């Protein structure tokens, strides 16, 4: 006969506890869940009704997931601990705004994939034995691409963490240089800009597109406000006042904390008015300026797809939404605005960043104007040249003989 448990606080010889009719495994340090990949201390195992055996088996799976196998080096276990540290830190910074939270979760998913690639690549290594050449061999798979820089940056951050923990004395990534990818220099001309806007309004079937008017407003605002495309896509009506539009870019929120108020202009007001009327059949309006027919903000992929289809219909290649911001800044300089004015308006941390946007897209104009030599003057051979030619001629040689 089984003795009835008097205290239901936890299972013996384990860190398994009962909460809300479920078994939970408690880890002293943050560990990665093998189920959802999240970093946590409390891991849900199973219902109490499933029994202690199932709870213990589930807890062991958590432990195994965070423990190195015998044939592995110790890199994977250290990297798992680093990953737990990173995701715990990121969880505290998660945005509350649903659209930005969706972006955050997508970034987390991509980061987990990257971490898995790194962990697999160095699974046979001990952390103290890794050499710069080993790191270089891994990164060189993406030579010349932005991905190489991303992997080097992540590995460098891991080794900084490892040095701080005392697992290594130095960071091997410091000895590696990664070729920077070619910077983008695409400039969208005025004609191309207008052609894409026309293509947004009409589909290949010759009928008006459902979202064309709204996405056209988005394109106009990307140019007129010259902020990052995400800031325009998630622009809310409560950011807008008669004085202008207030932006607090999320990319610089935790670094420079740059804010900018873009003054209202007739062109901006017209784009906002057109956005309000983009779906006349809808009586209810969205809290977002740019939104789908269902009043929700566009996703990055959704609005990017609409732009891509429009460029294809317009017969324009290699033009992205991000090029709109570079076009706006380049055109602003052309129109006489100073680099400082453009940098402040674009919420850039410094003018060098703004200048980088513009310089690659400007076409230098030479101030040197050449003229062809004048015609009409008869060429006269200098006397010294005549003597030299005479000395080399066959006749002069014959007379000498």
Protein backbone atom coordinates (compact mmCIF):
# COMPACT_ATOMS: atom_id res chain seq x y z
CA UNK A 1 0.00 0.00 0.00
CA UNK A 2 1.41 3.39 -1.03
CA UNK A 3 1.84 5.93 1.76
CA UNK A 4 -0.15 9.10 1.20
CA UNK A 5 2.09 12.14 0.84
CA UNK A 6 1.50 14.51 3.75
CA UNK A 7 3.21 17.55 2.17
CA UNK A 8 2.76 18.21 -1.52
CA UNK A 9 5.62 20.69 -1.82
CA UNK A 10 7.92 18.62 -4.00
CA UNK A 11 9.32 15.25 -4.94
CA UNK A 12 12.14 13.74 -2.91
CA UNK A 13 15.72 14.01 -4.21
CA UNK A 14 14.74 16.45 -6.92
CA UNK A 15 13.94 20.06 -7.62
CA UNK A 16 10.42 19.24 -8.73
CA UNK A 17 7.57 21.12 -7.08
CA UNK A 18 3.80 21.29 -7.41
CA UNK A 19 2.16 24.55 -8.37
CA UNK A 20 -1.41 24.99 -9.65
CA UNK A 21 -1.88 21.24 -10.08
CA UNK A 22 1.24 20.91 -12.25
CA UNK A 23 4.76 19.65 -11.65
CA UNK A 24 7.53 22.22 -12.15
CA UNK A 25 11.29 21.76 -12.24
CA UNK A 26 13.29 24.57 -10.59
CA UNK A 27 16.80 25.40 -11.84
CA UNK A 28 19.11 27.49 -9.68
CA UNK A 29 20.42 29.18 -12.82
CA UNK A 30 18.46 30.18 -15.89
CA UNK A 31 18.40 27.25 -18.31
CA UNK A 32 17.00 26.69 -21.79
CA UNK A 33 13.72 24.84 -22.15
CA UNK A 34 13.92 22.00 -24.71
CA UNK A 35 10.25 22.64 -25.54
CA UNK A 36 10.10 26.34 -26.43
CA UNK A 37 13.78 27.34 -26.30
CA UNK A 38 13.13 30.03 -23.69
CA UNK A 39 15.45 30.83 -20.82
CA UNK A 40 13.80 30.28 -17.44
CA UNK A 41 14.20 28.92 -13.90
CA UNK A 42 10.79 27.30 -13.54
CA UNK A 43 10.08 24.62 -16.19
CA UNK A 44 6.56 23.25 -16.52
CA UNK A 45 6.73 19.45 -16.69
CA UNK A 46 3.27 17.87 -16.65
CA UNK A 47 -0.01 17.66 -14.76
CA UNK A 48 0.05 16.12 -11.30
CA UNK A 49 -2.41 13.53 -12.59
CA UNK A 50 0.23 12.35 -15.09
CA UNK A 51 2.28 11.00 -12.19
CA UNK A 52 5.68 11.48 -10.61
CA UNK A 53 7.48 9.27 -13.12
CA UNK A 54 6.50 11.47 -16.06
CA UNK A 55 7.51 14.54 -14.06
CA UNK A 56 10.96 13.10 -13.34
CA UNK A 57 11.45 12.09 -16.98
CA UNK A 58 10.51 15.58 -18.18
CA UNK A 59 12.88 17.17 -15.66
CA UNK A 60 15.69 14.93 -16.87
CA UNK A 61 15.06 16.11 -20.43
CA UNK A 62 15.60 19.67 -19.25
CA UNK A 63 18.82 18.69 -17.51
CA UNK A 64 20.10 16.71 -20.51
CA UNK A 65 19.34 19.61 -22.84
CA UNK A 66 21.57 21.85 -20.76
CA UNK A 67 24.37 19.33 -20.14
CA UNK A 68 27.12 18.35 -22.54
CA UNK A 69 27.37 14.84 -23.93
CA UNK A 70 30.50 12.79 -23.23
CA UNK A 71 31.77 13.06 -26.81
CA UNK A 72 31.39 16.86 -26.83
CA UNK A 73 33.82 19.49 -25.73
CA UNK A 74 32.70 21.93 -23.07
CA UNK A 75 31.86 24.70 -25.60
CA UNK A 76 28.15 23.72 -25.94
CA UNK A 77 27.39 23.83 -22.21
CA UNK A 78 29.10 27.20 -21.81
CA UNK A 79 27.32 28.53 -24.88
CA UNK A 80 23.97 27.32 -23.53
CA UNK A 81 24.62 29.25 -20.33
CA UNK A 82 25.53 32.31 -22.37
CA UNK A 83 22.32 31.92 -24.41
CA UNK A 84 20.29 31.72 -21.20
CA UNK A 85 21.94 34.95 -20.02
CA UNK A 86 21.17 36.73 -23.31
CA UNK A 87 17.53 35.67 -23.51
CA UNK A 88 16.94 36.55 -19.86
CA UNK A 89 18.32 40.00 -20.54
CA UNK A 90 16.23 40.37 -23.69
CA UNK A 91 13.06 39.26 -21.89
CA UNK A 92 13.38 42.25 -19.55
CA UNK A 93 13.55 44.57 -22.56
CA UNK A 94 10.57 43.08 -24.41
CA UNK A 95 8.25 45.82 -25.72
CA UNK A 96 4.61 45.89 -24.66
CA UNK A 97 3.29 47.28 -27.92
CA UNK A 98 1.93 44.21 -29.85
CA UNK A 99 3.45 45.07 -33.27
CA UNK A 100 6.86 45.77 -31.77
CA UNK A 101 6.53 42.64 -29.62
CA UNK A 102 5.97 40.65 -32.81
CA UNK A 103 9.20 42.10 -34.24
CA UNK A 104 10.97 41.26 -30.97
CA UNK A 105 9.75 37.66 -31.07
CA UNK A 106 10.84 37.29 -34.70
CA UNK A 107 14.29 38.60 -33.75
CA UNK A 108 14.41 36.08 -30.89
CA UNK A 109 13.55 33.27 -33.28
CA UNK A 110 16.34 34.32 -35.65
CA UNK A 111 18.76 34.61 -32.74
CA UNK A 112 17.94 31.09 -31.55
CA UNK A 113 18.66 29.77 -35.04
CA UNK A 114 22.02 31.55 -35.05
CA UNK A 115 22.87 30.20 -31.61
CA UNK A 116 22.06 26.68 -32.73
CA UNK A 117 24.36 27.06 -35.75
CA UNK A 118 27.23 28.27 -33.55
CA UNK A 119 26.71 25.56 -30.94
CA UNK A 120 26.68 22.82 -33.58
CA UNK A 121 29.77 24.17 -35.35
CA UNK A 122 31.91 24.15 -32.20
CA UNK A 123 30.37 21.17 -30.38
CA UNK A 124 33.64 19.20 -30.38
CA UNK A 125 35.74 22.04 -28.93
CA UNK A 126 36.71 22.97 -25.42
CA UNK A 127 36.23 26.68 -24.89
CA UNK A 128 39.85 27.24 -23.81
CA UNK A 129 41.25 25.51 -26.91
CA UNK A 130 39.52 27.56 -29.59
CA UNK A 131 41.97 29.49 -31.76
CA UNK A 132 41.40 32.50 -34.03
CA UNK A 133 41.85 30.22 -37.05
CA UNK A 134 38.91 28.07 -35.86
CA UNK A 135 36.70 31.15 -35.62
CA UNK A 136 37.89 32.39 -39.02
CA UNK A 137 37.16 29.02 -40.68
CA UNK A 138 33.59 29.24 -39.42
CA UNK A 139 32.98 32.89 -40.34
CA UNK A 140 34.56 32.60 -43.80
CA UNK A 141 31.53 30.59 -44.93
CA UNK A 142 29.81 33.97 -45.35
CA UNK A 143 32.78 35.98 -46.60
CA UNK A 144 31.78 39.37 -47.95
CA UNK A 145 28.26 39.16 -46.56
CA UNK A 146 26.61 40.94 -43.67
CA UNK A 147 26.06 37.51 -42.05
CA UNK A 148 29.81 37.16 -41.45
CA UNK A 149 29.83 40.39 -39.43
CA UNK A 150 26.80 39.28 -37.42
CA UNK A 151 28.36 35.93 -36.49
CA UNK A 152 31.69 37.53 -35.58
CA UNK A 153 29.94 40.10 -33.40
CA UNK A 154 27.94 37.42 -31.60
CA UNK A 155 30.96 35.17 -31.04
CA UNK A 156 32.99 38.14 -29.82
CA UNK A 157 30.27 38.96 -27.30
CA UNK A 158 30.24 35.33 -26.15
CA UNK A 159 34.00 35.30 -25.57
CA UNK A 160 33.80 38.59 -23.67
CA UNK A 161 31.27 36.87 -21.42
CA UNK A 162 33.56 33.82 -21.16
CA UNK A 163 36.54 36.00 -20.18
CA UNK A 164 34.44 37.71 -17.52
CA UNK A 165 33.46 34.28 -16.15
CA UNK A 166 37.09 33.13 -16.12
CA UNK A 167 36.70 30.43 -18.78
CA UNK A 168 39.24 32.13 -21.05
CA UNK A 169 41.99 34.71 -20.68
CA UNK A 170 41.49 36.40 -24.07
CA UNK A 171 38.98 36.94 -26.87
CA UNK A 172 40.09 35.08 -30.06
CA UNK A 173 37.71 37.16 -32.21
CA UNK A 174 39.93 40.22 -31.75
CA UNK A 175 42.53 38.63 -33.99
CA UNK A 176 40.10 38.26 -36.89
CA UNK A 177 39.20 40.88 -39.46
CA UNK A 178 36.01 40.48 -41.46
CA UNK A 179 35.60 42.03 -44.89
CA UNK A 180 32.79 44.55 -44.85
CA UNK A 181 30.06 43.99 -47.43
CA UNK A 182 29.76 46.54 -50.19
CA UNK A 183 27.72 49.50 -49.02
CA UNK A 184 24.47 50.17 -50.79
CA UNK A 185 24.56 53.07 -53.22
CA UNK A 186 21.20 52.72 -54.99
CA UNK A 187 19.48 56.05 -55.64
CA UNK A 188 15.81 56.02 -56.63
CA UNK A 189 15.22 58.71 -59.22
CA UNK A 190 12.17 60.97 -59.18
CA UNK A 191 10.75 59.18 -62.22
CA UNK A 192 11.21 55.76 -60.58
CA UNK A 193 9.60 57.02 -57.38
CA UNK A 194 6.48 58.14 -59.23
CA UNK A 195 6.35 55.05 -61.42
CA UNK A 196 6.30 52.76 -58.37
CA UNK A 197 3.54 54.84 -56.78
CA UNK A 198 1.45 54.47 -59.93
CA UNK A 199 2.09 50.72 -59.98
CA UNK A 200 0.94 50.45 -56.35
CA UNK A 201 -2.52 51.64 -57.36
CA UNK A 202 -3.08 49.23 -60.25
CA UNK A 203 -2.64 45.47 -60.43
CA UNK A 204 -1.57 43.34 -63.40
CA UNK A 205 -5.25 42.65 -64.12
CA UNK A 206 -5.83 46.35 -64.76
CA UNK A 207 -7.99 46.76 -61.67
CA UNK A 208 -7.27 49.02 -58.67
CA UNK A 209 -5.44 47.23 -55.86
CA UNK A 210 -7.16 47.03 -52.48
CA UNK A 211 -4.24 48.37 -50.48
CA UNK A 212 -2.68 50.59 -53.13
CA UNK A 213 -3.86 53.94 -51.76
CA UNK A 214 -2.70 53.14 -48.22
CA UNK A 215 0.72 51.83 -49.27
CA UNK A 216 1.12 54.85 -51.53
CA UNK A 217 0.61 57.08 -48.47
CA UNK A 218 3.21 55.01 -46.64
CA UNK A 219 5.74 55.55 -49.45
CA UNK A 220 5.07 59.30 -49.40
CA UNK A 221 5.51 59.49 -45.63
CA UNK A 222 8.75 57.46 -45.78
CA UNK A 223 10.10 60.12 -48.12
CA UNK A 224 8.60 63.24 -46.51
CA UNK A 225 9.50 62.27 -42.93
CA UNK A 226 12.76 60.43 -43.83
CA UNK A 227 12.64 58.26 -40.70
CA UNK A 228 13.35 54.53 -40.57
CA UNK A 229 10.68 52.51 -42.36
CA UNK A 230 9.63 50.79 -39.11
CA UNK A 231 8.84 54.15 -37.49
CA UNK A 232 6.55 55.07 -40.40
CA UNK A 233 4.90 51.66 -40.50
CA UNK A 234 4.04 51.85 -36.79
CA UNK A 235 3.23 55.57 -36.70
CA UNK A 236 0.26 56.31 -34.42
CA UNK A 237 -2.20 59.17 -34.63
CA UNK A 238 -1.37 60.19 -31.05
CA UNK A 239 2.16 61.08 -32.20
CA UNK A 240 0.73 63.77 -34.47
CA UNK A 241 -0.09 67.33 -33.42
CA UNK A 242 -0.67 70.56 -35.36
CA UNK A 243 3.01 71.37 -34.77
CA UNK A 244 4.29 68.17 -36.33
CA UNK A 245 5.05 64.50 -35.68
CA UNK A 246 7.13 63.34 -32.72
CA UNK A 247 9.43 60.36 -33.23
CA UNK A 248 11.39 58.44 -30.61
CA UNK A 249 13.21 55.90 -32.80
CA UNK A 250 13.40 52.48 -31.13
CA UNK A 251 16.81 51.82 -32.71
CA UNK A 252 18.39 54.73 -30.80
CA UNK A 253 16.11 54.68 -27.77
CA UNK A 254 18.62 52.78 -25.59
CA UNK A 255 21.76 54.38 -27.08
CA UNK A 256 21.61 58.06 -27.98
CA UNK A 257 17.94 58.45 -26.95
CA UNK A 258 17.50 60.77 -29.92
CA UNK A 259 14.05 62.30 -30.42
CA UNK A 260 12.90 64.50 -33.24
CA UNK A 261 9.82 66.58 -34.03
CA UNK A 262 9.23 66.77 -37.77
CA UNK A 263 7.27 69.96 -38.52
CA UNK A 264 3.92 69.63 -40.23
CA UNK A 265 3.86 70.64 -43.89
CA UNK A 266 1.11 70.76 -46.54
CA UNK A 267 2.59 67.67 -48.24
CA UNK A 268 2.66 65.69 -44.98
CA UNK A 269 -0.86 66.77 -44.06
CA UNK A 270 -2.09 65.72 -47.51
CA UNK A 271 -0.54 62.24 -47.11
CA UNK A 272 -2.16 61.89 -43.66
CA UNK A 273 -5.55 62.96 -45.03
CA UNK A 274 -5.28 60.44 -47.86
CA UNK A 275 -4.43 57.70 -45.34
CA UNK A 276 -7.67 58.48 -43.47
CA UNK A 277 -9.65 58.04 -46.69
CA UNK A 278 -7.78 55.00 -48.03
CA UNK A 279 -10.57 52.63 -46.96
CA UNK A 280 -13.74 54.75 -47.29
CA UNK A 281 -15.97 51.73 -46.67
CA UNK A 282 -14.63 51.42 -43.11
CA UNK A 283 -16.35 53.67 -40.54
CA UNK A 284 -13.98 52.66 -37.73
CA UNK A 285 -10.47 54.03 -37.95
CA UNK A 286 -7.26 52.45 -36.69
CA UNK A 287 -4.93 53.89 -34.06
CA UNK A 288 -2.19 53.46 -36.67
CA UNK A 289 -1.81 55.84 -39.59
CA UNK A 290 -0.74 53.07 -41.97
CA UNK A 291 -2.82 49.93 -41.55
CA UNK A 292 -4.44 47.02 -43.34
CA UNK A 293 -8.13 46.78 -44.20
CA UNK A 294 -8.55 44.98 -40.85
CA UNK A 295 -7.22 48.10 -39.05
CA UNK A 296 -4.04 46.33 -38.00
CA UNK A 297 -0.53 47.68 -38.68
CA UNK A 298 1.27 46.11 -41.62
CA UNK A 299 3.96 43.57 -40.88
CA UNK A 300 7.43 44.12 -42.28
CA UNK A 301 6.92 41.26 -44.74
CA UNK A 302 3.43 42.43 -45.73
CA UNK A 303 4.29 45.97 -46.73
CA UNK A 304 7.62 44.86 -48.20
CA UNK A 305 5.77 42.41 -50.43
CA UNK A 306 3.40 45.16 -51.66
CA UNK A 307 6.39 47.35 -52.56
CA UNK A 308 8.21 44.50 -54.30
CA UNK A 309 5.19 43.62 -56.48
CA UNK A 310 4.79 47.28 -57.44
CA UNK A 311 8.45 47.62 -58.48
CA UNK A 312 8.09 44.52 -60.65
CA UNK A 313 4.97 45.93 -62.32
CA UNK A 314 6.84 49.20 -62.91
CA UNK A 315 9.84 47.36 -64.37
CA UNK A 316 12.22 48.78 -61.73
CA UNK A 317 14.86 46.55 -60.18
CA UNK A 318 17.07 46.66 -57.10
CA UNK A 319 14.97 49.29 -55.30
CA UNK A 320 14.05 48.72 -51.65
CA UNK A 321 11.90 50.58 -49.16
CA UNK A 322 15.01 51.58 -47.21
CA UNK A 323 16.29 53.39 -50.28
CA UNK A 324 13.48 55.92 -49.81
CA UNK A 325 15.16 57.36 -46.72
CA UNK A 326 18.48 57.66 -48.50
CA UNK A 327 16.74 59.37 -51.43
CA UNK A 328 15.06 61.86 -49.09
CA UNK A 329 18.34 62.79 -47.39
CA UNK A 330 20.18 63.05 -50.70
CA UNK A 331 17.44 65.25 -52.16
CA UNK A 332 17.42 67.42 -49.04
CA UNK A 333 21.12 68.16 -49.46
CA UNK A 334 20.56 68.88 -53.15
CA UNK A 335 17.87 71.37 -52.15
CA UNK A 336 20.31 73.28 -49.96
CA UNK A 337 19.77 71.88 -46.44
CA UNK A 338 22.92 71.46 -44.37
CA UNK A 339 24.27 68.13 -43.19
CA UNK A 340 23.52 69.15 -39.60
CA UNK A 341 19.88 69.92 -40.41
CA UNK A 342 19.42 66.60 -42.20
CA UNK A 343 21.15 64.66 -39.40
CA UNK A 344 18.89 66.20 -36.74
CA UNK A 345 15.79 65.52 -38.81
CA UNK A 346 16.80 61.90 -39.39
CA UNK A 347 17.51 61.34 -35.65
CA UNK A 348 21.05 60.24 -36.44
CA UNK A 349 23.57 60.09 -33.63
CA UNK A 350 26.11 62.07 -35.64
CA UNK A 351 26.58 63.75 -39.00
CA UNK A 352 29.03 61.08 -40.22
CA UNK A 353 26.19 58.57 -40.37
CA UNK A 354 24.07 60.98 -42.39
CA UNK A 355 26.93 61.79 -44.71
CA UNK A 356 27.41 58.08 -45.36
CA UNK A 357 23.81 57.83 -46.53
CA UNK A 358 24.20 60.73 -48.91
CA UNK A 359 27.73 60.43 -50.30
CA UNK A 360 27.18 57.00 -51.82
CA UNK A 361 24.20 58.31 -53.77
CA UNK A 362 25.49 61.65 -54.94
CA UNK A 363 26.97 61.91 -58.42
CA UNK A 364 30.03 64.20 -58.27
CA UNK A 365 30.02 66.94 -60.91
CA UNK A 366 33.42 67.86 -62.34
CA UNK A 367 34.21 71.59 -62.50
CA UNK A 368 37.02 71.09 -65.05
CA UNK A 369 35.93 71.96 -68.62
CA UNK A 370 38.45 71.00 -71.31
CA UNK A 371 38.89 72.65 -74.74
CA UNK A 372 40.41 71.16 -77.89
CA UNK A 373 43.66 72.73 -79.13
CA UNK A 374 43.17 75.69 -81.51
CA UNK A 375 43.43 74.98 -85.27
CA UNK A 376 45.39 77.24 -87.70
CA UNK A 377 48.88 77.45 -86.30
CA UNK A 378 51.50 75.69 -88.43
CA UNK A 379 53.70 73.30 -86.57
CA UNK A 380 57.40 74.26 -86.62
CA UNK A 381 60.02 71.70 -85.61
CA UNK A 382 62.58 73.11 -83.15
CA UNK A 383 66.15 73.48 -84.60
CA UNK A 384 67.59 70.95 -82.17
CA UNK A 385 65.06 68.37 -83.30
CA UNK A 386 65.88 69.07 -86.96
CA UNK A 387 69.57 68.39 -86.32
CA UNK A 388 68.76 65.13 -84.53
CA UNK A 389 66.55 63.90 -87.35
CA UNK A 390 69.19 64.86 -89.94
CA UNK A 391 71.90 62.97 -88.09
CA UNK A 392 69.80 59.79 -88.03
CA UNK A 393 68.77 59.89 -91.71
CA UNK A 394 70.31 57.32 -94.20
CA UNK A 395 71.61 60.11 -96.47
CA UNK A 396 73.71 61.65 -93.76
CA UNK A 397 75.19 58.23 -92.94
CA UNK A 398 76.10 57.67 -96.58
CA UNK A 399 77.87 60.98 -96.88
CA UNK A 400 79.94 60.13 -93.82
CA UNK A 401 81.13 56.92 -95.46
